[in-house]
Amino acid sequence: MTVKYLCMVMRINVDCNGCCRKVKKALLEIPEVESYLIEKKQSRVIVFGSFIPQDVAIKIKKKTNRRVEILDIGDMRENRDDEQ
């Protein structure tokens, strides 16, 4: 399986600062993740990088003990080619 540069949107319940900190720490420990955005009010986490989506979701679930739901996965390389 080839690993592409992806944008993945997940739903994770981050209702307090402690939960947000747990998710942030878990994301920082995953080397494949290049950048991320945590939207606390919408309970969404957006992750960018070259990774296998299911592996990242499982790692976050194990480290935070939170339910993780993958909402959307987009291939970023494909979008850049269309714009040119």
PDB file of N, CA and C in Angstrom:
ATOM      1  N   MET A   1       0.842  -1.181   0.000  1.00  0.00           N
ATOM      2  CA  MET A   1       0.000   0.000   0.000  1.00  0.00           C
ATOM      3  C   MET A   1       0.887   1.244   0.000  1.00  0.00           C
ATOM      4  N   THR A   2       0.615   2.147  -0.908  1.00  0.00           N
ATOM      5  CA  THR A   2       1.400   3.374  -0.963  1.00  0.00           C
ATOM      6  C   THR A   2       0.798   4.410  -0.017  1.00  0.00           C
ATOM      7  N   VAL A   3       1.674   5.147   0.630  1.00  0.00           N
ATOM      8  CA  VAL A   3       1.242   6.165   1.565  1.00  0.00           C
ATOM      9  C   VAL A   3       1.321   7.512   0.857  1.00  0.00           C
ATOM     10  N   LYS A   4       0.199   8.232   0.812  1.00  0.00           N
ATOM     11  CA  LYS A   4       0.124   9.511   0.117  1.00  0.00           C
ATOM     12  C   LYS A   4       0.039  10.645   1.137  1.00  0.00           C
ATOM     13  N   TYR A   5       0.180  11.874   0.655  1.00  0.00           N
ATOM     14  CA  TYR A   5      -0.002  13.037   1.519  1.00  0.00           C
ATOM     15  C   TYR A   5      -1.501  13.265   1.663  1.00  0.00           C
ATOM     16  N   LEU A   6      -2.002  13.101   2.873  1.00  0.00           N
ATOM     17  CA  LEU A   6      -3.441  13.110   3.105  1.00  0.00           C
ATOM     18  C   LEU A   6      -3.876  14.213   4.060  1.00  0.00           C
ATOM     19  N   CYS A   7      -5.148  14.530   3.969  1.00  0.00           N
ATOM     20  CA  CYS A   7      -5.833  15.387   4.941  1.00  0.00           C
ATOM     21  C   CYS A   7      -6.985  14.545   5.492  1.00  0.00           C
ATOM     22  N   MET A   8      -6.969  14.309   6.802  1.00  0.00           N
ATOM     23  CA  MET A   8      -8.002  13.473   7.407  1.00  0.00           C
ATOM     24  C   MET A   8      -8.748  14.278   8.469  1.00  0.00           C
ATOM     25  N   VAL A   9     -10.067  14.217   8.408  1.00  0.00           N
ATOM     26  CA  VAL A   9     -10.913  14.889   9.384  1.00  0.00           C
ATOM     27  C   VAL A   9     -11.528  13.818  10.278  1.00  0.00           C
ATOM     28  N   MET A  10     -11.363  13.993  11.592  1.00  0.00           N
ATOM     29  CA  MET A  10     -11.894  13.032  12.553  1.00  0.00           C
ATOM     30  C   MET A  10     -12.785  13.740  13.559  1.00  0.00           C
ATOM     31  N   ARG A  11     -13.727  13.006  14.097  1.00  0.00           N
ATOM     32  CA  ARG A  11     -14.546  13.520  15.198  1.00  0.00           C
ATOM     33  C   ARG A  11     -14.060  12.851  16.476  1.00  0.00           C
ATOM     34  N   ILE A  12     -13.568  13.686  17.392  1.00  0.00           N
ATOM     35  CA  ILE A  12     -13.113  13.222  18.695  1.00  0.00           C
ATOM     36  C   ILE A  12     -13.722  14.166  19.725  1.00  0.00           C
ATOM     37  N   ASN A  13     -14.335  13.620  20.753  1.00  0.00           N
ATOM     38  CA  ASN A  13     -14.964  14.453  21.769  1.00  0.00           C
ATOM     39  C   ASN A  13     -13.891  15.109  22.640  1.00  0.00           C
ATOM     40  N   VAL A  14     -13.611  16.382  22.381  1.00  0.00           N
ATOM     41  CA  VAL A  14     -12.653  17.155  23.182  1.00  0.00           C
ATOM     42  C   VAL A  14     -13.434  18.295  23.851  1.00  0.00           C
ATOM     43  N   ASP A  15     -14.046  17.983  24.982  1.00  0.00           N
ATOM     44  CA  ASP A  15     -14.915  18.951  25.637  1.00  0.00           C
ATOM     45  C   ASP A  15     -14.221  19.788  26.702  1.00  0.00           C
ATOM     46  N   CYS A  16     -12.998  19.444  27.076  1.00  0.00           N
ATOM     47  CA  CYS A  16     -12.289  20.236  28.085  1.00  0.00           C
ATOM     48  C   CYS A  16     -10.820  20.399  27.669  1.00  0.00           C
ATOM     49  N   ASN A  17     -10.111  21.253  28.383  1.00  0.00           N
ATOM     50  CA  ASN A  17      -8.702  21.493  28.058  1.00  0.00           C
ATOM     51  C   ASN A  17      -7.838  20.254  28.280  1.00  0.00           C
ATOM     52  N   GLY A  18      -8.179  19.450  29.258  1.00  0.00           N
ATOM     53  CA  GLY A  18      -7.430  18.221  29.514  1.00  0.00           C
ATOM     54  C   GLY A  18      -7.547  17.243  28.354  1.00  0.00           C
ATOM     55  N   CYS A  19      -8.749  17.105  27.813  1.00  0.00           N
ATOM     56  CA  CYS A  19      -8.963  16.220  26.658  1.00  0.00           C
ATOM     57  C   CYS A  19      -8.204  16.743  25.441  1.00  0.00           C
ATOM     58  N   CYS A  20      -8.248  18.040  25.254  1.00  0.00           N
ATOM     59  CA  CYS A  20      -7.550  18.675  24.136  1.00  0.00           C
ATOM     60  C   CYS A  20      -6.046  18.428  24.256  1.00  0.00           C
ATOM     61  N   ARG A  21      -5.536  18.527  25.468  1.00  0.00           N
ATOM     62  CA  ARG A  21      -4.109  18.299  25.718  1.00  0.00           C
ATOM     63  C   ARG A  21      -3.719  16.848  25.440  1.00  0.00           C
ATOM     64  N   LYS A  22      -4.601  15.890  25.817  1.00  0.00           N
ATOM     65  CA  LYS A  22      -4.345  14.472  25.557  1.00  0.00           C
ATOM     66  C   LYS A  22      -4.239  14.195  24.055  1.00  0.00           C
ATOM     67  N   VAL A  23      -5.183  14.757  23.298  1.00  0.00           N
ATOM     68  CA  VAL A  23      -5.200  14.556  21.845  1.00  0.00           C
ATOM     69  C   VAL A  23      -3.957  15.188  21.216  1.00  0.00           C
ATOM     70  N   LYS A  24      -3.607  16.389  21.657  1.00  0.00           N
ATOM     71  CA  LYS A  24      -2.430  17.084  21.132  1.00  0.00           C
ATOM     72  C   LYS A  24      -1.159  16.275  21.401  1.00  0.00           C
ATOM     73  N   LYS A  25      -1.032  15.752  22.616  1.00  0.00           N
ATOM     74  CA  LYS A  25       0.137  14.955  22.974  1.00  0.00           C
ATOM     75  C   LYS A  25       0.209  13.676  22.124  1.00  0.00           C
ATOM     76  N   ALA A  26      -0.928  13.033  21.909  1.00  0.00           N
ATOM     77  CA  ALA A  26      -0.970  11.822  21.092  1.00  0.00           C
ATOM     78  C   ALA A  26      -0.566  12.125  19.651  1.00  0.00           C
ATOM     79  N   LEU A  27      -1.024  13.265  19.114  1.00  0.00           N
ATOM     80  CA  LEU A  27      -0.678  13.640  17.739  1.00  0.00           C
ATOM     81  C   LEU A  27       0.814  13.953  17.603  1.00  0.00           C
ATOM     82  N   LEU A  28       1.381  14.595  18.613  1.00  0.00           N
ATOM     83  CA  LEU A  28       2.808  14.935  18.566  1.00  0.00           C
ATOM     84  C   LEU A  28       3.702  13.699  18.606  1.00  0.00           C
ATOM     85  N   GLU A  29       3.202  12.606  19.169  1.00  0.00           N
ATOM     86  CA  GLU A  29       3.977  11.372  19.262  1.00  0.00           C
ATOM     87  C   GLU A  29       3.931  10.534  17.984  1.00  0.00           C
ATOM     88  N   ILE A  30       3.105  10.929  17.016  1.00  0.00           N
ATOM     89  CA  ILE A  30       2.999  10.187  15.748  1.00  0.00           C
ATOM     90  C   ILE A  30       3.875  10.881  14.715  1.00  0.00           C
ATOM     91  N   PRO A  31       4.991  10.259  14.305  1.00  0.00           N
ATOM     92  CA  PRO A  31       5.928  10.942  13.405  1.00  0.00           C
ATOM     93  C   PRO A  31       5.388  11.204  11.999  1.00  0.00           C
ATOM     94  N   GLU A  32       4.416  10.427  11.543  1.00  0.00           N
ATOM     95  CA  GLU A  32       3.877  10.595  10.190  1.00  0.00           C
ATOM     96  C   GLU A  32       3.023  11.858  10.065  1.00  0.00           C
ATOM     97  N   VAL A  33       2.512  12.359  11.176  1.00  0.00           N
ATOM     98  CA  VAL A  33       1.643  13.541  11.169  1.00  0.00           C
ATOM     99  C   VAL A  33       2.521  14.790  11.092  1.00  0.00           C
ATOM    100  N   GLU A  34       2.329  15.575  10.028  1.00  0.00           N
ATOM    101  CA  GLU A  34       3.131  16.783   9.828  1.00  0.00           C
ATOM    102  C   GLU A  34       2.509  17.998  10.499  1.00  0.00           C
ATOM    103  N   SER A  35       1.189  18.143  10.411  1.00  0.00           N
ATOM    104  CA  SER A  35       0.507  19.244  11.082  1.00  0.00           C
ATOM    105  C   SER A  35      -0.909  18.812  11.434  1.00  0.00           C
ATOM    106  N   TYR A  36      -1.518  19.567  12.340  1.00  0.00           N
ATOM    107  CA  TYR A  36      -2.863  19.229  12.792  1.00  0.00           C
ATOM    108  C   TYR A  36      -3.590  20.491  13.230  1.00  0.00           C
ATOM    109  N   LEU A  37      -4.904  20.382  13.315  1.00  0.00           N
ATOM    110  CA  LEU A  37      -5.747  21.477  13.783  1.00  0.00           C
ATOM    111  C   LEU A  37      -6.838  20.862  14.657  1.00  0.00           C
ATOM    112  N   ILE A  38      -6.951  21.359  15.889  1.00  0.00           N
ATOM    113  CA  ILE A  38      -7.971  20.863  16.806  1.00  0.00           C
ATOM    114  C   ILE A  38      -9.056  21.932  16.929  1.00  0.00           C
ATOM    115  N   GLU A  39     -10.264  21.584  16.514  1.00  0.00           N
ATOM    116  CA  GLU A  39     -11.416  22.481  16.630  1.00  0.00           C
ATOM    117  C   GLU A  39     -12.269  21.980  17.787  1.00  0.00           C
ATOM    118  N   LYS A  40     -12.084  22.606  18.943  1.00  0.00           N
ATOM    119  CA  LYS A  40     -12.723  22.125  20.167  1.00  0.00           C
ATOM    120  C   LYS A  40     -14.244  22.281  20.135  1.00  0.00           C
ATOM    121  N   LYS A  41     -14.740  23.382  19.609  1.00  0.00           N
ATOM    122  CA  LYS A  41     -16.195  23.620  19.610  1.00  0.00           C
ATOM    123  C   LYS A  41     -16.940  22.651  18.693  1.00  0.00           C
ATOM    124  N   GLN A  42     -16.325  22.283  17.565  1.00  0.00           N
ATOM    125  CA  GLN A  42     -16.964  21.349  16.638  1.00  0.00           C
ATOM    126  C   GLN A  42     -16.582  19.894  16.922  1.00  0.00           C
ATOM    127  N   SER A  43     -15.701  19.657  17.906  1.00  0.00           N
ATOM    128  CA  SER A  43     -15.212  18.313  18.250  1.00  0.00           C
ATOM    129  C   SER A  43     -14.578  17.637  17.036  1.00  0.00           C
ATOM    130  N   ARG A  44     -13.785  18.420  16.294  1.00  0.00           N
ATOM    131  CA  ARG A  44     -13.127  17.876  15.105  1.00  0.00           C
ATOM    132  C   ARG A  44     -11.619  18.057  15.214  1.00  0.00           C
ATOM    133  N   VAL A  45     -10.896  17.101  14.647  1.00  0.00           N
ATOM    134  CA  VAL A  45      -9.445  17.180  14.557  1.00  0.00           C
ATOM    135  C   VAL A  45      -9.087  16.941  13.101  1.00  0.00           C
ATOM    136  N   ILE A  46      -8.314  17.866  12.524  1.00  0.00           N
ATOM    137  CA  ILE A  46      -7.875  17.749  11.131  1.00  0.00           C
ATOM    138  C   ILE A  46      -6.376  17.492  11.146  1.00  0.00           C
ATOM    139  N   VAL A  47      -5.953  16.444  10.434  1.00  0.00           N
ATOM    140  CA  VAL A  47      -4.562  16.008  10.453  1.00  0.00           C
ATOM    141  C   VAL A  47      -4.030  15.978   9.030  1.00  0.00           C
ATOM    142  N   PHE A  48      -2.801  16.473   8.833  1.00  0.00           N
ATOM    143  CA  PHE A  48      -2.138  16.459   7.533  1.00  0.00           C
ATOM    144  C   PHE A  48      -0.840  15.666   7.636  1.00  0.00           C
ATOM    145  N   GLY A  49      -0.511  14.911   6.577  1.00  0.00           N
ATOM    146  CA  GLY A  49       0.754  14.199   6.560  1.00  0.00           C
ATOM    147  C   GLY A  49       0.701  12.979   5.664  1.00  0.00           C
ATOM    148  N   SER A  50       1.791  12.226   5.667  1.00  0.00           N
ATOM    149  CA  SER A  50       1.889  10.983   4.901  1.00  0.00           C
ATOM    150  C   SER A  50       1.713   9.819   5.867  1.00  0.00           C
ATOM    151  N   PHE A  51       0.510   9.291   5.933  1.00  0.00           N
ATOM    152  CA  PHE A  51       0.205   8.248   6.904  1.00  0.00           C
ATOM    153  C   PHE A  51      -0.894   7.338   6.382  1.00  0.00           C
ATOM    154  N   ILE A  52      -1.106   6.242   7.092  1.00  0.00           N
ATOM    155  CA  ILE A  52      -2.228   5.353   6.820  1.00  0.00           C
ATOM    156  C   ILE A  52      -3.336   5.760   7.792  1.00  0.00           C
ATOM    157  N   PRO A  53      -4.478   6.233   7.299  1.00  0.00           N
ATOM    158  CA  PRO A  53      -5.517   6.824   8.153  1.00  0.00           C
ATOM    159  C   PRO A  53      -5.974   5.943   9.318  1.00  0.00           C
ATOM    160  N   GLN A  54      -6.204   4.666   9.066  1.00  0.00           N
ATOM    161  CA  GLN A  54      -6.688   3.782  10.117  1.00  0.00           C
ATOM    162  C   GLN A  54      -5.659   3.638  11.236  1.00  0.00           C
ATOM    163  N   ASP A  55      -4.380   3.601  10.873  1.00  0.00           N
ATOM    164  CA  ASP A  55      -3.326   3.474  11.880  1.00  0.00           C
ATOM    165  C   ASP A  55      -3.289   4.684  12.806  1.00  0.00           C
ATOM    166  N   VAL A  56      -3.425   5.884  12.241  1.00  0.00           N
ATOM    167  CA  VAL A  56      -3.416   7.111  13.042  1.00  0.00           C
ATOM    168  C   VAL A  56      -4.627   7.131  13.975  1.00  0.00           C
ATOM    169  N   ALA A  57      -5.801   6.782  13.462  1.00  0.00           N
ATOM    170  CA  ALA A  57      -7.013   6.773  14.291  1.00  0.00           C
ATOM    171  C   ALA A  57      -6.888   5.775  15.441  1.00  0.00           C
ATOM    172  N   ILE A  58      -6.324   4.607  15.170  1.00  0.00           N
ATOM    173  CA  ILE A  58      -6.158   3.592  16.218  1.00  0.00           C
ATOM    174  C   ILE A  58      -5.161   4.062  17.270  1.00  0.00           C
ATOM    175  N   LYS A  59      -4.057   4.689  16.835  1.00  0.00           N
ATOM    176  CA  LYS A  59      -3.065   5.180  17.792  1.00  0.00           C
ATOM    177  C   LYS A  59      -3.656   6.252  18.697  1.00  0.00           C
ATOM    178  N   ILE A  60      -4.439   7.165  18.130  1.00  0.00           N
ATOM    179  CA  ILE A  60      -5.054   8.222  18.931  1.00  0.00           C
ATOM    180  C   ILE A  60      -6.050   7.621  19.926  1.00  0.00           C
ATOM    181  N   LYS A  61      -6.840   6.644  19.465  1.00  0.00           N
ATOM    182  CA  LYS A  61      -7.817   6.005  20.344  1.00  0.00           C
ATOM    183  C   LYS A  61      -7.136   5.316  21.516  1.00  0.00           C
ATOM    184  N   LYS A  62      -6.041   4.607  21.248  1.00  0.00           N
ATOM    185  CA  LYS A  62      -5.331   3.886  22.312  1.00  0.00           C
ATOM    186  C   LYS A  62      -4.690   4.843  23.317  1.00  0.00           C
ATOM    187  N   LYS A  63      -4.133   5.952  22.825  1.00  0.00           N
ATOM    188  CA  LYS A  63      -3.420   6.869  23.714  1.00  0.00           C
ATOM    189  C   LYS A  63      -4.343   7.788  24.506  1.00  0.00           C
ATOM    190  N   THR A  64      -5.524   8.104  23.962  1.00  0.00           N
ATOM    191  CA  THR A  64      -6.416   9.049  24.642  1.00  0.00           C
ATOM    192  C   THR A  64      -7.613   8.379  25.298  1.00  0.00           C
ATOM    193  N   ASN A  65      -7.872   7.122  24.944  1.00  0.00           N
ATOM    194  CA  ASN A  65      -9.042   6.401  25.449  1.00  0.00           C
ATOM    195  C   ASN A  65     -10.331   7.136  25.081  1.00  0.00           C
ATOM    196  N   ARG A  66     -10.366   7.705  23.888  1.00  0.00           N
ATOM    197  CA  ARG A  66     -11.522   8.429  23.372  1.00  0.00           C
ATOM    198  C   ARG A  66     -12.017   7.759  22.093  1.00  0.00           C
ATOM    199  N   ARG A  67     -13.297   7.901  21.816  1.00  0.00           N
ATOM    200  CA  ARG A  67     -13.869   7.387  20.575  1.00  0.00           C
ATOM    201  C   ARG A  67     -13.420   8.267  19.421  1.00  0.00           C
ATOM    202  N   VAL A  68     -12.904   7.650  18.356  1.00  0.00           N
ATOM    203  CA  VAL A  68     -12.424   8.377  17.181  1.00  0.00           C
ATOM    204  C   VAL A  68     -13.247   7.936  15.978  1.00  0.00           C
ATOM    205  N   GLU A  69     -13.827   8.910  15.275  1.00  0.00           N
ATOM    206  CA  GLU A  69     -14.616   8.623  14.082  1.00  0.00           C
ATOM    207  C   GLU A  69     -14.010   9.380  12.909  1.00  0.00           C
ATOM    208  N   ILE A  70     -13.634   8.656  11.858  1.00  0.00           N
ATOM    209  CA  ILE A  70     -13.070   9.287  10.661  1.00  0.00           C
ATOM    210  C   ILE A  70     -14.228   9.818   9.814  1.00  0.00           C
ATOM    211  N   LEU A  71     -14.238  11.137   9.591  1.00  0.00           N
ATOM    212  CA  LEU A  71     -15.308  11.765   8.815  1.00  0.00           C
ATOM    213  C   LEU A  71     -14.964  11.872   7.336  1.00  0.00           C
ATOM    214  N   ASP A  72     -13.709  12.242   7.038  1.00  0.00           N
ATOM    215  CA  ASP A  72     -13.326  12.471   5.646  1.00  0.00           C
ATOM    216  C   ASP A  72     -11.830  12.258   5.484  1.00  0.00           C
ATOM    217  N   ILE A  73     -11.450  11.728   4.340  1.00  0.00           N
ATOM    218  CA  ILE A  73     -10.043  11.561   3.994  1.00  0.00           C
ATOM    219  C   ILE A  73      -9.858  12.111   2.586  1.00  0.00           C
ATOM    220  N   GLY A  74      -8.935  13.081   2.450  1.00  0.00           N
ATOM    221  CA  GLY A  74      -8.680  13.677   1.145  1.00  0.00           C
ATOM    222  C   GLY A  74      -7.227  13.545   0.754  1.00  0.00           C
ATOM    223  N   ASP A  75      -6.978  13.271  -0.525  1.00  0.00           N
ATOM    224  CA  ASP A  75      -5.623  13.172  -1.048  1.00  0.00           C
ATOM    225  C   ASP A  75      -5.179  14.561  -1.489  1.00  0.00           C
ATOM    226  N   MET A  76      -4.186  15.123  -0.824  1.00  0.00           N
ATOM    227  CA  MET A  76      -3.756  16.491  -1.098  1.00  0.00           C
ATOM    228  C   MET A  76      -2.944  16.604  -2.384  1.00  0.00           C
ATOM    229  N   ARG A  77      -2.176  15.622  -2.748  1.00  0.00           N
ATOM    230  CA  ARG A  77      -1.385  15.674  -3.990  1.00  0.00           C
ATOM    231  C   ARG A  77      -2.302  15.750  -5.201  1.00  0.00           C
ATOM    232  N   GLU A  78      -3.385  14.999  -5.161  1.00  0.00           N
ATOM    233  CA  GLU A  78      -4.328  14.964  -6.264  1.00  0.00           C
ATOM    234  C   GLU A  78      -4.962  16.345  -6.487  1.00  0.00           C
ATOM    235  N   ASN A  79      -5.293  17.055  -5.416  1.00  0.00           N
ATOM    236  CA  ASN A  79      -5.914  18.374  -5.526  1.00  0.00           C
ATOM    237  C   ASN A  79      -4.948  19.389  -6.120  1.00  0.00           C
ATOM    238  N   ARG A  80      -3.678  19.311  -5.780  1.00  0.00           N
ATOM    239  CA  ARG A  80      -2.693  20.257  -6.293  1.00  0.00           C
ATOM    240  C   ARG A  80      -2.495  20.082  -7.792  1.00  0.00           C
ATOM    241  N   ASP A  81      -2.556  18.833  -8.291  1.00  0.00           N
ATOM    242  CA  ASP A  81      -2.403  18.583  -9.706  1.00  0.00           C
ATOM    243  C   ASP A  81      -3.569  19.157 -10.512  1.00  0.00           C
ATOM    244  N   ASP A  82      -4.764  19.129  -9.946  1.00  0.00           N
ATOM    245  CA  ASP A  82      -5.954  19.643 -10.638  1.00  0.00           C
ATOM    246  C   ASP A  82      -5.891  21.162 -10.797  1.00  0.00           C
ATOM    247  N   GLU A  83      -5.290  21.853  -9.825  1.00  0.00           N
ATOM    248  CA  GLU A  83      -5.252  23.307  -9.861  1.00  0.00           C
ATOM    249  C   GLU A  83      -4.287  23.831 -10.917  1.00  0.00           C
ATOM    250  N   GLN A  84      -3.278  23.069 -11.275  1.00  0.00           N
ATOM    251  CA  GLN A  84      -2.262  23.546 -12.215  1.00  0.00           C
ATOM    252  C   GLN A  84      -2.657  23.397 -13.643  1.00  0.00           C
TER     253      GLN A  84
END
